[in-house]
Structure formats: structure tokens, C-alpha cells
Amino acid sequence: MTKMRIVSVQLPQSFVNAMDQLVRRGVYPNRSEVIRTAIREFLKKEMHFEVQDDEVPEYVIR
């Protein structure tokens, strides 16, 4: 898998609450994966970004 980098962001509390709810429901394993998925989809839409297989953790269903 590609080396991960830490990027700090500030989010409204409502976003954090919603992410935590998705994690509690088991939709995502953690907040980081929620954010990675959102950014991946944004980049695919806005930039026709192609994700390499080694950039997606094995627990993500594509």
C-alpha cells in the first residue's frame, strides 16, 4: 500500500459527529477512512482522478 501522510484539517462538529456515527454503525473502520473515501470520490469527480489498487486498503470494497 502507498505510504500515508498525516494532514490536519478543521471540521465542523456536525461533520465529526456524522463520521463517528458511520464508524459506530460499522460502515467504515475509522474516521480516516471516511475522509479518504470522501476525498477519493471528490478527486474522481473533479479531476477524473484514477485510484491505483495499492492506494486503497484491502478492507475497502470497491
PDB file of N, CA and C in Angstrom:
ATOM      1  N   MET A   1       0.846  -1.171   0.000  1.00  0.00           N
ATOM      2  CA  MET A   1       0.000   0.000   0.000  1.00  0.00           C
ATOM      3  C   MET A   1       0.892   1.235   0.000  1.00  0.00           C
ATOM      4  N   THR A   2       0.395   2.306  -0.569  1.00  0.00           N
ATOM      5  CA  THR A   2       1.107   3.570  -0.619  1.00  0.00           C
ATOM      6  C   THR A   2       1.322   4.120   0.784  1.00  0.00           C
ATOM      7  N   LYS A   3       2.459   4.766   0.986  1.00  0.00           N
ATOM      8  CA  LYS A   3       2.742   5.388   2.279  1.00  0.00           C
ATOM      9  C   LYS A   3       1.710   6.490   2.547  1.00  0.00           C
ATOM     10  N   MET A   4       1.177   6.498   3.751  1.00  0.00           N
ATOM     11  CA  MET A   4       0.186   7.508   4.141  1.00  0.00           C
ATOM     12  C   MET A   4       0.890   8.688   4.788  1.00  0.00           C
ATOM     13  N   ARG A   5       0.327   9.874   4.584  1.00  0.00           N
ATOM     14  CA  ARG A   5       0.828  11.096   5.203  1.00  0.00           C
ATOM     15  C   ARG A   5      -0.261  11.650   6.104  1.00  0.00           C
ATOM     16  N   ILE A   6       0.135  12.301   7.166  1.00  0.00           N
ATOM     17  CA  ILE A   6      -0.823  12.933   8.075  1.00  0.00           C
ATOM     18  C   ILE A   6      -1.081  14.353   7.596  1.00  0.00           C
ATOM     19  N   VAL A   7      -2.369  14.692   7.480  1.00  0.00           N
ATOM     20  CA  VAL A   7      -2.801  16.031   7.094  1.00  0.00           C
ATOM     21  C   VAL A   7      -3.834  16.473   8.116  1.00  0.00           C
ATOM     22  N   SER A   8      -3.599  17.601   8.744  1.00  0.00           N
ATOM     23  CA  SER A   8      -4.542  18.098   9.752  1.00  0.00           C
ATOM     24  C   SER A   8      -5.571  19.012   9.090  1.00  0.00           C
ATOM     25  N   VAL A   9      -6.825  18.812   9.465  1.00  0.00           N
ATOM     26  CA  VAL A   9      -7.900  19.668   8.961  1.00  0.00           C
ATOM     27  C   VAL A   9      -8.813  20.037  10.119  1.00  0.00           C
ATOM     28  N   GLN A  10      -9.491  21.143   9.968  1.00  0.00           N
ATOM     29  CA  GLN A  10     -10.508  21.539  10.944  1.00  0.00           C
ATOM     30  C   GLN A  10     -11.869  21.320  10.306  1.00  0.00           C
ATOM     31  N   LEU A  11     -12.746  20.649  11.043  1.00  0.00           N
ATOM     32  CA  LEU A  11     -14.077  20.331  10.545  1.00  0.00           C
ATOM     33  C   LEU A  11     -15.117  20.786  11.547  1.00  0.00           C
ATOM     34  N   PRO A  12     -16.300  21.136  11.052  1.00  0.00           N
ATOM     35  CA  PRO A  12     -17.387  21.457  11.980  1.00  0.00           C
ATOM     36  C   PRO A  12     -17.738  20.234  12.823  1.00  0.00           C
ATOM     37  N   GLN A  13     -18.175  20.451  14.029  1.00  0.00           N
ATOM     38  CA  GLN A  13     -18.522  19.355  14.933  1.00  0.00           C
ATOM     39  C   GLN A  13     -19.572  18.436  14.320  1.00  0.00           C
ATOM     40  N   SER A  14     -20.486  18.998  13.539  1.00  0.00           N
ATOM     41  CA  SER A  14     -21.528  18.172  12.922  1.00  0.00           C
ATOM     42  C   SER A  14     -20.922  17.149  11.955  1.00  0.00           C
ATOM     43  N   PHE A  15     -19.844  17.505  11.259  1.00  0.00           N
ATOM     44  CA  PHE A  15     -19.168  16.563  10.364  1.00  0.00           C
ATOM     45  C   PHE A  15     -18.538  15.435  11.185  1.00  0.00           C
ATOM     46  N   VAL A  16     -17.890  15.809  12.273  1.00  0.00           N
ATOM     47  CA  VAL A  16     -17.237  14.816  13.134  1.00  0.00           C
ATOM     48  C   VAL A  16     -18.288  13.869  13.711  1.00  0.00           C
ATOM     49  N   ASN A  17     -19.401  14.419  14.168  1.00  0.00           N
ATOM     50  CA  ASN A  17     -20.481  13.587  14.711  1.00  0.00           C
ATOM     51  C   ASN A  17     -21.000  12.599  13.665  1.00  0.00           C
ATOM     52  N   ALA A  18     -21.191  13.080  12.444  1.00  0.00           N
ATOM     53  CA  ALA A  18     -21.695  12.221  11.372  1.00  0.00           C
ATOM     54  C   ALA A  18     -20.684  11.124  11.038  1.00  0.00           C
ATOM     55  N   MET A  19     -19.386  11.468  10.993  1.00  0.00           N
ATOM     56  CA  MET A  19     -18.362  10.459  10.730  1.00  0.00           C
ATOM     57  C   MET A  19     -18.344   9.413  11.831  1.00  0.00           C
ATOM     58  N   ASP A  20     -18.414   9.865  13.077  1.00  0.00           N
ATOM     59  CA  ASP A  20     -18.418   8.934  14.205  1.00  0.00           C
ATOM     60  C   ASP A  20     -19.611   7.984  14.142  1.00  0.00           C
ATOM     61  N   GLN A  21     -20.734   8.485  13.687  1.00  0.00           N
ATOM     62  CA  GLN A  21     -21.919   7.635  13.564  1.00  0.00           C
ATOM     63  C   GLN A  21     -21.693   6.545  12.515  1.00  0.00           C
ATOM     64  N   LEU A  22     -21.058   6.904  11.394  1.00  0.00           N
ATOM     65  CA  LEU A  22     -20.749   5.915  10.363  1.00  0.00           C
ATOM     66  C   LEU A  22     -19.784   4.852  10.885  1.00  0.00           C
ATOM     67  N   VAL A  23     -18.819   5.279  11.692  1.00  0.00           N
ATOM     68  CA  VAL A  23     -17.866   4.334  12.280  1.00  0.00           C
ATOM     69  C   VAL A  23     -18.577   3.422  13.272  1.00  0.00           C
ATOM     70  N   ARG A  24     -19.424   3.979  14.129  1.00  0.00           N
ATOM     71  CA  ARG A  24     -20.159   3.160  15.108  1.00  0.00           C
ATOM     72  C   ARG A  24     -21.048   2.131  14.420  1.00  0.00           C
ATOM     73  N   ARG A  25     -21.640   2.505  13.291  1.00  0.00           N
ATOM     74  CA  ARG A  25     -22.507   1.576  12.541  1.00  0.00           C
ATOM     75  C   ARG A  25     -21.709   0.519  11.802  1.00  0.00           C
ATOM     76  N   GLY A  26     -20.398   0.680  11.739  1.00  0.00           N
ATOM     77  CA  GLY A  26     -19.556  -0.285  11.054  1.00  0.00           C
ATOM     78  C   GLY A  26     -19.448  -0.073   9.556  1.00  0.00           C
ATOM     79  N   VAL A  27     -19.909   1.089   9.078  1.00  0.00           N
ATOM     80  CA  VAL A  27     -19.817   1.391   7.652  1.00  0.00           C
ATOM     81  C   VAL A  27     -18.352   1.616   7.269  1.00  0.00           C
ATOM     82  N   TYR A  28     -17.596   2.247   8.145  1.00  0.00           N
ATOM     83  CA  TYR A  28     -16.169   2.499   7.953  1.00  0.00           C
ATOM     84  C   TYR A  28     -15.436   2.077   9.222  1.00  0.00           C
ATOM     85  N   PRO A  29     -14.180   1.680   9.084  1.00  0.00           N
ATOM     86  CA  PRO A  29     -13.442   1.235  10.265  1.00  0.00           C
ATOM     87  C   PRO A  29     -12.973   2.376  11.171  1.00  0.00           C
ATOM     88  N   ASN A  30     -12.846   3.586  10.605  1.00  0.00           N
ATOM     89  CA  ASN A  30     -12.353   4.725  11.382  1.00  0.00           C
ATOM     90  C   ASN A  30     -12.615   6.029  10.630  1.00  0.00           C
ATOM     91  N   ARG A  31     -12.386   7.141  11.300  1.00  0.00           N
ATOM     92  CA  ARG A  31     -12.602   8.461  10.685  1.00  0.00           C
ATOM     93  C   ARG A  31     -11.716   8.664   9.464  1.00  0.00           C
ATOM     94  N   SER A  32     -10.481   8.204   9.555  1.00  0.00           N
ATOM     95  CA  SER A  32      -9.553   8.404   8.437  1.00  0.00           C
ATOM     96  C   SER A  32     -10.098   7.804   7.149  1.00  0.00           C
ATOM     97  N   GLU A  33     -10.698   6.625   7.253  1.00  0.00           N
ATOM     98  CA  GLU A  33     -11.222   6.003   6.039  1.00  0.00           C
ATOM     99  C   GLU A  33     -12.437   6.748   5.507  1.00  0.00           C
ATOM    100  N   VAL A  34     -13.234   7.323   6.376  1.00  0.00           N
ATOM    101  CA  VAL A  34     -14.360   8.155   5.928  1.00  0.00           C
ATOM    102  C   VAL A  34     -13.816   9.318   5.093  1.00  0.00           C
ATOM    103  N   ILE A  35     -12.805   9.987   5.620  1.00  0.00           N
ATOM    104  CA  ILE A  35     -12.230  11.153   4.934  1.00  0.00           C
ATOM    105  C   ILE A  35     -11.539  10.731   3.645  1.00  0.00           C
ATOM    106  N   ARG A  36     -10.769   9.626   3.674  1.00  0.00           N
ATOM    107  CA  ARG A  36     -10.105   9.164   2.452  1.00  0.00           C
ATOM    108  C   ARG A  36     -11.114   8.856   1.363  1.00  0.00           C
ATOM    109  N   THR A  37     -12.204   8.193   1.738  1.00  0.00           N
ATOM    110  CA  THR A  37     -13.236   7.851   0.759  1.00  0.00           C
ATOM    111  C   THR A  37     -13.858   9.106   0.164  1.00  0.00           C
ATOM    112  N   ALA A  38     -14.161  10.077   1.008  1.00  0.00           N
ATOM    113  CA  ALA A  38     -14.762  11.322   0.530  1.00  0.00           C
ATOM    114  C   ALA A  38     -13.824  12.054  -0.432  1.00  0.00           C
ATOM    115  N   ILE A  39     -12.551  12.123  -0.077  1.00  0.00           N
ATOM    116  CA  ILE A  39     -11.582  12.812  -0.939  1.00  0.00           C
ATOM    117  C   ILE A  39     -11.368  12.037  -2.237  1.00  0.00           C
ATOM    118  N   ARG A  40     -11.289  10.709  -2.142  1.00  0.00           N
ATOM    119  CA  ARG A  40     -11.126   9.878  -3.336  1.00  0.00           C
ATOM    120  C   ARG A  40     -12.270  10.126  -4.322  1.00  0.00           C
ATOM    121  N   GLU A  41     -13.515  10.140  -3.811  1.00  0.00           N
ATOM    122  CA  GLU A  41     -14.673  10.367  -4.679  1.00  0.00           C
ATOM    123  C   GLU A  41     -14.680  11.789  -5.249  1.00  0.00           C
ATOM    124  N   PHE A  42     -14.295  12.762  -4.439  1.00  0.00           N
ATOM    125  CA  PHE A  42     -14.210  14.147  -4.900  1.00  0.00           C
ATOM    126  C   PHE A  42     -13.194  14.277  -6.035  1.00  0.00           C
ATOM    127  N   LEU A  43     -12.016  13.691  -5.860  1.00  0.00           N
ATOM    128  CA  LEU A  43     -10.974  13.773  -6.888  1.00  0.00           C
ATOM    129  C   LEU A  43     -11.384  13.047  -8.160  1.00  0.00           C
ATOM    130  N   LYS A  44     -12.061  11.907  -8.031  1.00  0.00           N
ATOM    131  CA  LYS A  44     -12.543  11.205  -9.214  1.00  0.00           C
ATOM    132  C   LYS A  44     -13.527  12.080  -9.988  1.00  0.00           C
ATOM    133  N   LYS A  45     -14.403  12.759  -9.274  1.00  0.00           N
ATOM    134  CA  LYS A  45     -15.416  13.601  -9.910  1.00  0.00           C
ATOM    135  C   LYS A  45     -14.812  14.861 -10.519  1.00  0.00           C
ATOM    136  N   GLU A  46     -14.010  15.563  -9.758  1.00  0.00           N
ATOM    137  CA  GLU A  46     -13.497  16.869 -10.177  1.00  0.00           C
ATOM    138  C   GLU A  46     -12.305  16.797 -11.127  1.00  0.00           C
ATOM    139  N   MET A  47     -11.493  15.755 -10.989  1.00  0.00           N
ATOM    140  CA  MET A  47     -10.257  15.703 -11.766  1.00  0.00           C
ATOM    141  C   MET A  47     -10.121  14.427 -12.586  1.00  0.00           C
ATOM    142  N   HIS A  48     -11.166  13.612 -12.609  1.00  0.00           N
ATOM    143  CA  HIS A  48     -11.099  12.319 -13.294  1.00  0.00           C
ATOM    144  C   HIS A  48      -9.883  11.539 -12.800  1.00  0.00           C
ATOM    145  N   PHE A  49      -9.654  11.645 -11.506  1.00  0.00           N
ATOM    146  CA  PHE A  49      -8.525  11.012 -10.830  1.00  0.00           C
ATOM    147  C   PHE A  49      -8.721   9.508 -10.790  1.00  0.00           C
ATOM    148  N   GLU A  50      -7.710   8.769 -11.189  1.00  0.00           N
ATOM    149  CA  GLU A  50      -7.768   7.318 -11.148  1.00  0.00           C
ATOM    150  C   GLU A  50      -7.011   6.810  -9.931  1.00  0.00           C
ATOM    151  N   VAL A  51      -7.641   5.976  -9.143  1.00  0.00           N
ATOM    152  CA  VAL A  51      -7.041   5.423  -7.943  1.00  0.00           C
ATOM    153  C   VAL A  51      -6.319   4.139  -8.302  1.00  0.00           C
ATOM    154  N   GLN A  52      -5.067   4.026  -7.877  1.00  0.00           N
ATOM    155  CA  GLN A  52      -4.290   2.809  -8.089  1.00  0.00           C
ATOM    156  C   GLN A  52      -4.717   1.771  -7.051  1.00  0.00           C
ATOM    157  N   ASP A  53      -4.678   0.515  -7.411  1.00  0.00           N
ATOM    158  CA  ASP A  53      -5.086  -0.552  -6.495  1.00  0.00           C
ATOM    159  C   ASP A  53      -4.316  -0.537  -5.191  1.00  0.00           C
ATOM    160  N   ASP A  54      -3.033  -0.159  -5.222  1.00  0.00           N
ATOM    161  CA  ASP A  54      -2.237  -0.172  -3.989  1.00  0.00           C
ATOM    162  C   ASP A  54      -2.509   1.037  -3.102  1.00  0.00           C
ATOM    163  N   GLU A  55      -3.374   1.969  -3.564  1.00  0.00           N
ATOM    164  CA  GLU A  55      -3.713   3.140  -2.764  1.00  0.00           C
ATOM    165  C   GLU A  55      -4.987   2.937  -1.941  1.00  0.00           C
ATOM    166  N   VAL A  56      -5.648   1.827  -2.151  1.00  0.00           N
ATOM    167  CA  VAL A  56      -6.901   1.536  -1.457  1.00  0.00           C
ATOM    168  C   VAL A  56      -6.663   0.373  -0.498  1.00  0.00           C
ATOM    169  N   PRO A  57      -6.914   0.588   0.788  1.00  0.00           N
ATOM    170  CA  PRO A  57      -6.724  -0.502   1.748  1.00  0.00           C
ATOM    171  C   PRO A  57      -7.572  -1.716   1.371  1.00  0.00           C
ATOM    172  N   GLU A  58      -7.090  -2.917   1.716  1.00  0.00           N
ATOM    173  CA  GLU A  58      -7.763  -4.147   1.317  1.00  0.00           C
ATOM    174  C   GLU A  58      -9.153  -4.298   1.916  1.00  0.00           C
ATOM    175  N   TYR A  59      -9.447  -3.608   3.035  1.00  0.00           N
ATOM    176  CA  TYR A  59     -10.766  -3.762   3.650  1.00  0.00           C
ATOM    177  C   TYR A  59     -11.835  -2.900   2.981  1.00  0.00           C
ATOM    178  N   VAL A  60     -11.471  -2.086   1.995  1.00  0.00           N
ATOM    179  CA  VAL A  60     -12.433  -1.245   1.288  1.00  0.00           C
ATOM    180  C   VAL A  60     -13.001  -2.050   0.132  1.00  0.00           C
ATOM    181  N   ILE A  61     -14.319  -2.138   0.073  1.00  0.00           N
ATOM    182  CA  ILE A  61     -14.990  -2.837  -1.015  1.00  0.00           C
ATOM    183  C   ILE A  61     -15.205  -1.850  -2.144  1.00  0.00           C
ATOM    184  N   ARG A  62     -14.676  -2.177  -3.317  1.00  0.00           N
ATOM    185  CA  ARG A  62     -14.801  -1.273  -4.462  1.00  0.00           C
ATOM    186  C   ARG A  62     -15.919  -1.689  -5.362  1.00  0.00           C
TER     187      ARG A  62
END
